[in-house]
């Protein structure tokens, strides 16, 4: 769980820094920046979805083992 959150935050922070640098200095072309922005968004979405799914499965497994929910 922590690894997924750290990964998402890292991608978001790196993208935010890139966006600020791009705003002031335009170090890459706007086409490449758009592609990087879309890639960062997709990556965050995938990592967050996988992280939440794993957490949900582990929580269900723990609750089943403790007898709180039926199988």
Foldseek 3Di string as FASTA:
>chain_A
DVVLVVVLVVLVVVLVVVVVCCVPPVPDDPVVNVVSVVVSVVVNVVSVVVVVVVVVVVVVVVCVVVPNDDD
